[in-house]
Amino acid sequence: MTKPLHEMPLGKLLESTASKSPTPGGGAIAAVTGALGAALAGMSVAFSVGKKSLAEHEDELQQAADDLKQMQHDWLGLSQADASAYAEMNRLQRLDEGDPARAGLAAAIQAATNVPMQGCRMAETALHKFERLSGITNRWLLSDLAIAAVLAEAACRACAWNVRVNLPSIEDATRRAELDAEAAALVRTCRELTERVEDACKA
């Protein structure tokens, strides 16, 4: 991947994703999905800030606008971190078994697993925010907020797959089980939160 995903025109991003290249791959695209969710939630907030009927929530909405911008930034950073972590792991895996550099492989695998796990956690944080926003934002933008939640859940589920795919390469069985359990729990929580946001947005 020659440049950050957010600097690519959409058509180029799609072309690069579909090409015979490991990057951008599922991890980076999962992170972009999370960023889109945060951006869409940001739109619902933008149409709520300054609205007289929501004046009692103005301070919280202003803070939410800042938080959602930061979420977008963090998700895009995660997309780059995922690509870098995967590239390093892939580089070390391709070395000959006797190459001294392979001593760093275990740490590279751990890094490539930690990045998508962080994405799962970020999705949970975003969904808690979206649930709160469902009661204090412009009702005409609730469908957009619901879609933002769906995207955040998708990002979590996608990141969880990138955690799972690396688990067989982790030698410590206890650590494998811990990571698997945490990813599964985050997927369940994000699904529940998304359902709550969707229900609130139907009201």
C-alpha atoms as a PDB file:
ATOM      1  CA  MET A   1       0.000   0.000   0.000  1.00  0.00           C
ATOM      2  CA  THR A   2       1.755   3.140  -1.204  1.00  0.00           C
ATOM      3  CA  LYS A   3      -0.302   5.799   0.539  1.00  0.00           C
ATOM      4  CA  PRO A   4      -2.801   6.099   3.416  1.00  0.00           C
ATOM      5  CA  LEU A   5      -6.253   4.875   2.436  1.00  0.00           C
ATOM      6  CA  HIS A   6      -7.916   8.186   3.251  1.00  0.00           C
ATOM      7  CA  GLU A   7      -5.691   9.896   0.672  1.00  0.00           C
ATOM      8  CA  MET A   8      -6.885   7.599  -2.125  1.00  0.00           C
ATOM      9  CA  PRO A   9      -9.793   8.507  -4.415  1.00  0.00           C
ATOM     10  CA  LEU A  10     -12.642   6.084  -3.791  1.00  0.00           C
ATOM     11  CA  GLY A  11     -12.229   4.405  -7.167  1.00  0.00           C
ATOM     12  CA  LYS A  12      -8.531   3.821  -6.513  1.00  0.00           C
ATOM     13  CA  LEU A  13      -9.275   2.432  -3.072  1.00  0.00           C
ATOM     14  CA  LEU A  14     -11.717  -0.075  -4.549  1.00  0.00           C
ATOM     15  CA  GLU A  15      -9.246  -0.993  -7.268  1.00  0.00           C
ATOM     16  CA  SER A  16      -6.422  -1.478  -4.769  1.00  0.00           C
ATOM     17  CA  THR A  17      -8.607  -3.534  -2.456  1.00  0.00           C
ATOM     18  CA  ALA A  18      -9.685  -5.839  -5.286  1.00  0.00           C
ATOM     19  CA  SER A  19      -6.145  -6.282  -6.623  1.00  0.00           C
ATOM     20  CA  LYS A  20      -3.851  -9.266  -6.077  1.00  0.00           C
ATOM     21  CA  SER A  21      -2.135  -7.611  -3.131  1.00  0.00           C
ATOM     22  CA  PRO A  22      -2.453  -8.325   0.596  1.00  0.00           C
ATOM     23  CA  THR A  23      -2.835  -4.630   1.407  1.00  0.00           C
ATOM     24  CA  PRO A  24      -5.193  -2.983   1.739  1.00  0.00           C
ATOM     25  CA  GLY A  25      -6.895  -6.035   3.159  1.00  0.00           C
ATOM     26  CA  GLY A  26      -9.690  -6.873   5.540  1.00  0.00           C
ATOM     27  CA  GLY A  27      -8.153  -5.146   8.536  1.00  0.00           C
ATOM     28  CA  ALA A  28      -7.651  -1.815   6.813  1.00  0.00           C
ATOM     29  CA  ILE A  29     -11.100  -1.956   5.249  1.00  0.00           C
ATOM     30  CA  ALA A  30     -12.638  -2.786   8.635  1.00  0.00           C
ATOM     31  CA  ALA A  31     -11.027   0.353  10.037  1.00  0.00           C
ATOM     32  CA  VAL A  32     -12.275   2.481   7.150  1.00  0.00           C
ATOM     33  CA  THR A  33     -15.759   1.107   7.823  1.00  0.00           C
ATOM     34  CA  GLY A  34     -15.456   2.252  11.425  1.00  0.00           C
ATOM     35  CA  ALA A  35     -14.334   5.692  10.269  1.00  0.00           C
ATOM     36  CA  LEU A  36     -17.356   5.950   7.979  1.00  0.00           C
ATOM     37  CA  GLY A  37     -19.615   5.062  10.879  1.00  0.00           C
ATOM     38  CA  ALA A  38     -18.103   7.810  13.013  1.00  0.00           C
ATOM     39  CA  ALA A  39     -18.425  10.280  10.134  1.00  0.00           C
ATOM     40  CA  LEU A  40     -22.076   9.433   9.581  1.00  0.00           C
ATOM     41  CA  ALA A  41     -22.806   9.837  13.274  1.00  0.00           C
ATOM     42  CA  GLY A  42     -20.985  13.153  12.992  1.00  0.00           C
ATOM     43  CA  MET A  43     -23.467  14.239  10.343  1.00  0.00           C
ATOM     44  CA  SER A  44     -26.379  13.515  12.664  1.00  0.00           C
ATOM     45  CA  VAL A  45     -24.703  15.665  15.293  1.00  0.00           C
ATOM     46  CA  ALA A  46     -23.970  18.458  12.794  1.00  0.00           C
ATOM     47  CA  PHE A  47     -27.697  18.689  12.061  1.00  0.00           C
ATOM     48  CA  SER A  48     -28.409  18.835  15.809  1.00  0.00           C
ATOM     49  CA  VAL A  49     -25.923  21.446  17.018  1.00  0.00           C
ATOM     50  CA  GLY A  50     -27.553  24.850  17.312  1.00  0.00           C
ATOM     51  CA  LYS A  51     -31.073  23.468  16.992  1.00  0.00           C
ATOM     52  CA  LYS A  52     -33.429  25.289  19.393  1.00  0.00           C
ATOM     53  CA  SER A  53     -35.414  22.187  20.265  1.00  0.00           C
ATOM     54  CA  LEU A  54     -32.186  20.488  21.375  1.00  0.00           C
ATOM     55  CA  ALA A  55     -30.684  23.501  23.181  1.00  0.00           C
ATOM     56  CA  GLU A  56     -30.557  21.672  26.514  1.00  0.00           C
ATOM     57  CA  HIS A  57     -28.133  19.183  24.929  1.00  0.00           C
ATOM     58  CA  GLU A  58     -25.967  21.751  23.133  1.00  0.00           C
ATOM     59  CA  ASP A  59     -22.851  21.297  25.260  1.00  0.00           C
ATOM     60  CA  GLU A  60     -23.003  17.514  24.968  1.00  0.00           C
ATOM     61  CA  LEU A  61     -23.584  17.733  21.226  1.00  0.00           C
ATOM     62  CA  GLN A  62     -20.615  20.046  20.790  1.00  0.00           C
ATOM     63  CA  GLN A  63     -18.449  17.593  22.722  1.00  0.00           C
ATOM     64  CA  ALA A  64     -19.825  14.696  20.679  1.00  0.00           C
ATOM     65  CA  ALA A  65     -18.873  16.489  17.461  1.00  0.00           C
ATOM     66  CA  ASP A  66     -15.275  16.718  18.664  1.00  0.00           C
ATOM     67  CA  ASP A  67     -15.272  13.126  19.894  1.00  0.00           C
ATOM     68  CA  LEU A  68     -16.557  11.794  16.584  1.00  0.00           C
ATOM     69  CA  LYS A  69     -13.905  13.687  14.646  1.00  0.00           C
ATOM     70  CA  GLN A  70     -11.297  12.104  16.886  1.00  0.00           C
ATOM     71  CA  MET A  71     -12.855   8.693  16.306  1.00  0.00           C
ATOM     72  CA  GLN A  72     -12.526   9.163  12.556  1.00  0.00           C
ATOM     73  CA  HIS A  73      -8.880  10.077  13.001  1.00  0.00           C
ATOM     74  CA  ASP A  74      -8.263   7.095  15.274  1.00  0.00           C
ATOM     75  CA  TRP A  75      -9.924   4.651  12.874  1.00  0.00           C
ATOM     76  CA  LEU A  76      -7.871   5.914   9.953  1.00  0.00           C
ATOM     77  CA  GLY A  77      -4.743   5.580  12.071  1.00  0.00           C
ATOM     78  CA  LEU A  78      -5.762   2.020  12.841  1.00  0.00           C
ATOM     79  CA  SER A  79      -6.048   1.244   9.132  1.00  0.00           C
ATOM     80  CA  GLN A  80      -2.406   2.228   8.683  1.00  0.00           C
ATOM     81  CA  ALA A  81      -1.333   0.393  11.811  1.00  0.00           C
ATOM     82  CA  ASP A  82      -3.050  -2.756  10.576  1.00  0.00           C
ATOM     83  CA  ALA A  83      -1.320  -2.593   7.207  1.00  0.00           C
ATOM     84  CA  SER A  84       2.072  -2.021   8.858  1.00  0.00           C
ATOM     85  CA  ALA A  85       1.620  -4.801  11.394  1.00  0.00           C
ATOM     86  CA  TYR A  86       0.545  -7.270   8.736  1.00  0.00           C
ATOM     87  CA  ALA A  87       3.420  -6.301   6.436  1.00  0.00           C
ATOM     88  CA  GLU A  88       5.977  -6.892   9.200  1.00  0.00           C
ATOM     89  CA  MET A  89       4.463 -10.228  10.181  1.00  0.00           C
ATOM     90  CA  ASN A  90       4.323 -11.337   6.563  1.00  0.00           C
ATOM     91  CA  ARG A  91       7.945 -10.264   5.995  1.00  0.00           C
ATOM     92  CA  LEU A  92       9.216 -12.311   8.931  1.00  0.00           C
ATOM     93  CA  GLN A  93       7.121 -15.342   8.044  1.00  0.00           C
ATOM     94  CA  ARG A  94       8.738 -15.424   4.610  1.00  0.00           C
ATOM     95  CA  LEU A  95      12.262 -15.635   6.017  1.00  0.00           C
ATOM     96  CA  ASP A  96      14.097 -18.951   6.159  1.00  0.00           C
ATOM     97  CA  GLU A  97      13.556 -20.902   9.370  1.00  0.00           C
ATOM     98  CA  GLY A  98      17.173 -20.396  10.392  1.00  0.00           C
ATOM     99  CA  ASP A  99      17.216 -16.637   9.857  1.00  0.00           C
ATOM    100  CA  PRO A 100      17.970 -14.853  13.170  1.00  0.00           C
ATOM    101  CA  ALA A 101      15.471 -12.133  12.275  1.00  0.00           C
ATOM    102  CA  ARG A 102      12.649 -14.634  12.751  1.00  0.00           C
ATOM    103  CA  ALA A 103      13.199 -14.198  16.476  1.00  0.00           C
ATOM    104  CA  GLY A 104      10.911 -11.188  16.167  1.00  0.00           C
ATOM    105  CA  LEU A 105       8.062 -13.154  14.630  1.00  0.00           C
ATOM    106  CA  ALA A 106       6.180 -13.844  17.853  1.00  0.00           C
ATOM    107  CA  ALA A 107       6.106 -10.134  18.679  1.00  0.00           C
ATOM    108  CA  ALA A 108       5.004  -9.315  15.124  1.00  0.00           C
ATOM    109  CA  ILE A 109       2.136 -11.808  15.343  1.00  0.00           C
ATOM    110  CA  GLN A 110       1.097 -10.322  18.664  1.00  0.00           C
ATOM    111  CA  ALA A 111       1.138  -6.829  17.153  1.00  0.00           C
ATOM    112  CA  ALA A 112      -0.899  -7.975  14.160  1.00  0.00           C
ATOM    113  CA  THR A 113      -3.455  -9.390  16.602  1.00  0.00           C
ATOM    114  CA  ASN A 114      -3.514  -6.432  18.983  1.00  0.00           C
ATOM    115  CA  VAL A 115      -4.375  -3.942  16.246  1.00  0.00           C
ATOM    116  CA  PRO A 116      -7.700  -5.508  15.216  1.00  0.00           C
ATOM    117  CA  MET A 117      -8.536  -6.201  18.861  1.00  0.00           C
ATOM    118  CA  GLN A 118      -8.165  -2.484  19.437  1.00  0.00           C
ATOM    119  CA  GLY A 119     -10.595  -1.993  16.565  1.00  0.00           C
ATOM    120  CA  CYS A 120     -13.165  -4.169  18.342  1.00  0.00           C
ATOM    121  CA  ARG A 121     -12.777  -2.064  21.472  1.00  0.00           C
ATOM    122  CA  MET A 122     -13.062   1.170  19.508  1.00  0.00           C
ATOM    123  CA  ALA A 123     -16.295  -0.053  17.924  1.00  0.00           C
ATOM    124  CA  GLU A 124     -17.762  -0.747  21.358  1.00  0.00           C
ATOM    125  CA  THR A 125     -16.839   2.761  22.515  1.00  0.00           C
ATOM    126  CA  ALA A 126     -18.416   4.270  19.405  1.00  0.00           C
ATOM    127  CA  LEU A 127     -21.638   2.328  19.859  1.00  0.00           C
ATOM    128  CA  HIS A 128     -22.014   3.491  23.445  1.00  0.00           C
ATOM    129  CA  LYS A 129     -21.695   7.020  22.105  1.00  0.00           C
ATOM    130  CA  PHE A 130     -24.241   6.382  19.363  1.00  0.00           C
ATOM    131  CA  GLU A 131     -26.712   4.960  21.873  1.00  0.00           C
ATOM    132  CA  ARG A 132     -26.512   8.138  23.905  1.00  0.00           C
ATOM    133  CA  LEU A 133     -26.857  10.293  20.778  1.00  0.00           C
ATOM    134  CA  SER A 134     -30.010   8.460  19.698  1.00  0.00           C
ATOM    135  CA  GLY A 135     -31.919  10.326  22.396  1.00  0.00           C
ATOM    136  CA  ILE A 136     -30.520  13.817  21.879  1.00  0.00           C
ATOM    137  CA  THR A 137     -30.105  14.310  18.118  1.00  0.00           C
ATOM    138  CA  ASN A 138     -32.273  15.543  15.265  1.00  0.00           C
ATOM    139  CA  ARG A 139     -34.996  12.952  14.715  1.00  0.00           C
ATOM    140  CA  TRP A 140     -34.768  13.412  10.942  1.00  0.00           C
ATOM    141  CA  LEU A 141     -31.213  12.043  11.070  1.00  0.00           C
ATOM    142  CA  LEU A 142     -31.966   8.965  13.176  1.00  0.00           C
ATOM    143  CA  SER A 143     -31.762   6.656  10.171  1.00  0.00           C
ATOM    144  CA  ASP A 144     -28.215   7.911   9.551  1.00  0.00           C
ATOM    145  CA  LEU A 145     -27.339   7.288  13.184  1.00  0.00           C
ATOM    146  CA  ALA A 146     -28.742   3.770  12.923  1.00  0.00           C
ATOM    147  CA  ILE A 147     -26.619   3.160   9.822  1.00  0.00           C
ATOM    148  CA  ALA A 148     -23.586   4.497  11.711  1.00  0.00           C
ATOM    149  CA  ALA A 149     -24.250   1.862  14.361  1.00  0.00           C
ATOM    150  CA  VAL A 150     -24.536  -0.880  11.745  1.00  0.00           C
ATOM    151  CA  LEU A 151     -21.183   0.199  10.311  1.00  0.00           C
ATOM    152  CA  ALA A 152     -19.550   0.215  13.735  1.00  0.00           C
ATOM    153  CA  GLU A 153     -20.843  -3.283  14.421  1.00  0.00           C
ATOM    154  CA  ALA A 154     -19.568  -4.426  11.028  1.00  0.00           C
ATOM    155  CA  ALA A 155     -16.165  -2.950  11.863  1.00  0.00           C
ATOM    156  CA  CYS A 156     -16.106  -4.893  15.139  1.00  0.00           C
ATOM    157  CA  ARG A 157     -17.096  -8.168  13.503  1.00  0.00           C
ATOM    158  CA  ALA A 158     -14.540  -7.664  10.739  1.00  0.00           C
ATOM    159  CA  CYS A 159     -11.772  -6.825  13.212  1.00  0.00           C
ATOM    160  CA  ALA A 160     -12.670  -9.923  15.225  1.00  0.00           C
ATOM    161  CA  TRP A 161     -12.008 -12.046  12.151  1.00  0.00           C
ATOM    162  CA  ASN A 162      -8.540 -10.562  11.901  1.00  0.00           C
ATOM    163  CA  VAL A 163      -7.961 -11.459  15.533  1.00  0.00           C
ATOM    164  CA  ARG A 164      -9.133 -15.034  14.937  1.00  0.00           C
ATOM    165  CA  VAL A 165      -7.020 -15.584  11.837  1.00  0.00           C
ATOM    166  CA  ASN A 166      -3.854 -14.927  13.824  1.00  0.00           C
ATOM    167  CA  LEU A 167      -4.700 -17.065  16.845  1.00  0.00           C
ATOM    168  CA  PRO A 168      -3.278 -20.343  15.474  1.00  0.00           C
ATOM    169  CA  SER A 169       0.105 -18.631  15.136  1.00  0.00           C
ATOM    170  CA  ILE A 170       0.222 -17.691  18.831  1.00  0.00           C
ATOM    171  CA  GLU A 171       2.059 -20.409  20.757  1.00  0.00           C
ATOM    172  CA  ASP A 172       0.703 -19.546  24.210  1.00  0.00           C
ATOM    173  CA  ALA A 173      -2.581 -21.490  24.471  1.00  0.00           C
ATOM    174  CA  THR A 174      -3.781 -19.432  27.429  1.00  0.00           C
ATOM    175  CA  ARG A 175      -3.224 -16.212  25.532  1.00  0.00           C
ATOM    176  CA  ARG A 176      -5.010 -17.638  22.483  1.00  0.00           C
ATOM    177  CA  ALA A 177      -8.032 -18.478  24.599  1.00  0.00           C
ATOM    178  CA  GLU A 178      -8.044 -15.034  26.231  1.00  0.00           C
ATOM    179  CA  LEU A 179      -7.933 -13.231  22.900  1.00  0.00           C
ATOM    180  CA  ASP A 180     -10.608 -15.445  21.401  1.00  0.00           C
ATOM    181  CA  ALA A 181     -12.906 -14.887  24.379  1.00  0.00           C
ATOM    182  CA  GLU A 182     -12.391 -11.133  24.381  1.00  0.00           C
ATOM    183  CA  ALA A 183     -13.088 -10.816  20.659  1.00  0.00           C
ATOM    184  CA  ALA A 184     -16.241 -12.929  20.970  1.00  0.00           C
ATOM    185  CA  ALA A 185     -17.460 -10.866  23.929  1.00  0.00           C
ATOM    186  CA  LEU A 186     -16.900  -7.606  22.075  1.00  0.00           C
ATOM    187  CA  VAL A 187     -18.784  -8.900  19.042  1.00  0.00           C
ATOM    188  CA  ARG A 188     -21.732  -9.840  21.272  1.00  0.00           C
ATOM    189  CA  THR A 189     -21.687  -6.487  23.044  1.00  0.00           C
ATOM    190  CA  CYS A 190     -21.525  -4.560  19.777  1.00  0.00           C
ATOM    191  CA  ARG A 191     -24.420  -6.566  18.368  1.00  0.00           C
ATOM    192  CA  GLU A 192     -26.514  -5.799  21.454  1.00  0.00           C
ATOM    193  CA  LEU A 193     -25.606  -2.114  21.356  1.00  0.00           C
ATOM    194  CA  THR A 194     -26.451  -1.877  17.667  1.00  0.00           C
ATOM    195  CA  GLU A 195     -29.850  -3.415  18.289  1.00  0.00           C
ATOM    196  CA  ARG A 196     -30.475  -0.895  21.057  1.00  0.00           C
ATOM    197  CA  VAL A 197     -29.468   1.999  18.817  1.00  0.00           C
ATOM    198  CA  GLU A 198     -31.682   0.724  16.009  1.00  0.00           C
ATOM    199  CA  ASP A 199     -34.621   0.308  18.390  1.00  0.00           C
ATOM    200  CA  ALA A 200     -34.110   3.835  19.716  1.00  0.00           C
ATOM    201  CA  CYS A 201     -33.936   5.214  16.197  1.00  0.00           C
ATOM    202  CA  LYS A 202     -37.283   3.624  15.333  1.00  0.00           C
ATOM    203  CA  ALA A 203     -39.027   5.477  18.175  1.00  0.00           C
END
